[in-house]
Amino acid sequence: MELSEKIIELLKSSEALKGGEIAEKLGVEKSEVDKILKKLKAEEKIISPKRCYYSVEK
């Protein structure tokens, strides 16, 4: 499973999370997560309900 898929699955099963929290829960570098979050947001696969927090449309 790709990291982007893991991020989406994590966001589906939790409330809105910050990039650092996502990185911590998945055990990866925050910089890697930030790059993927930016890409997923541009593709409209995730949303940002408030500044610096990420979630999926439920």
Foldseek 3Di string as FASTA:
>chain_A
DDPLVVLQVVQAVDPWDALVVSCVVVVHDSVVSVVSVVVCVVVVQWDAPDPRTIHGDD
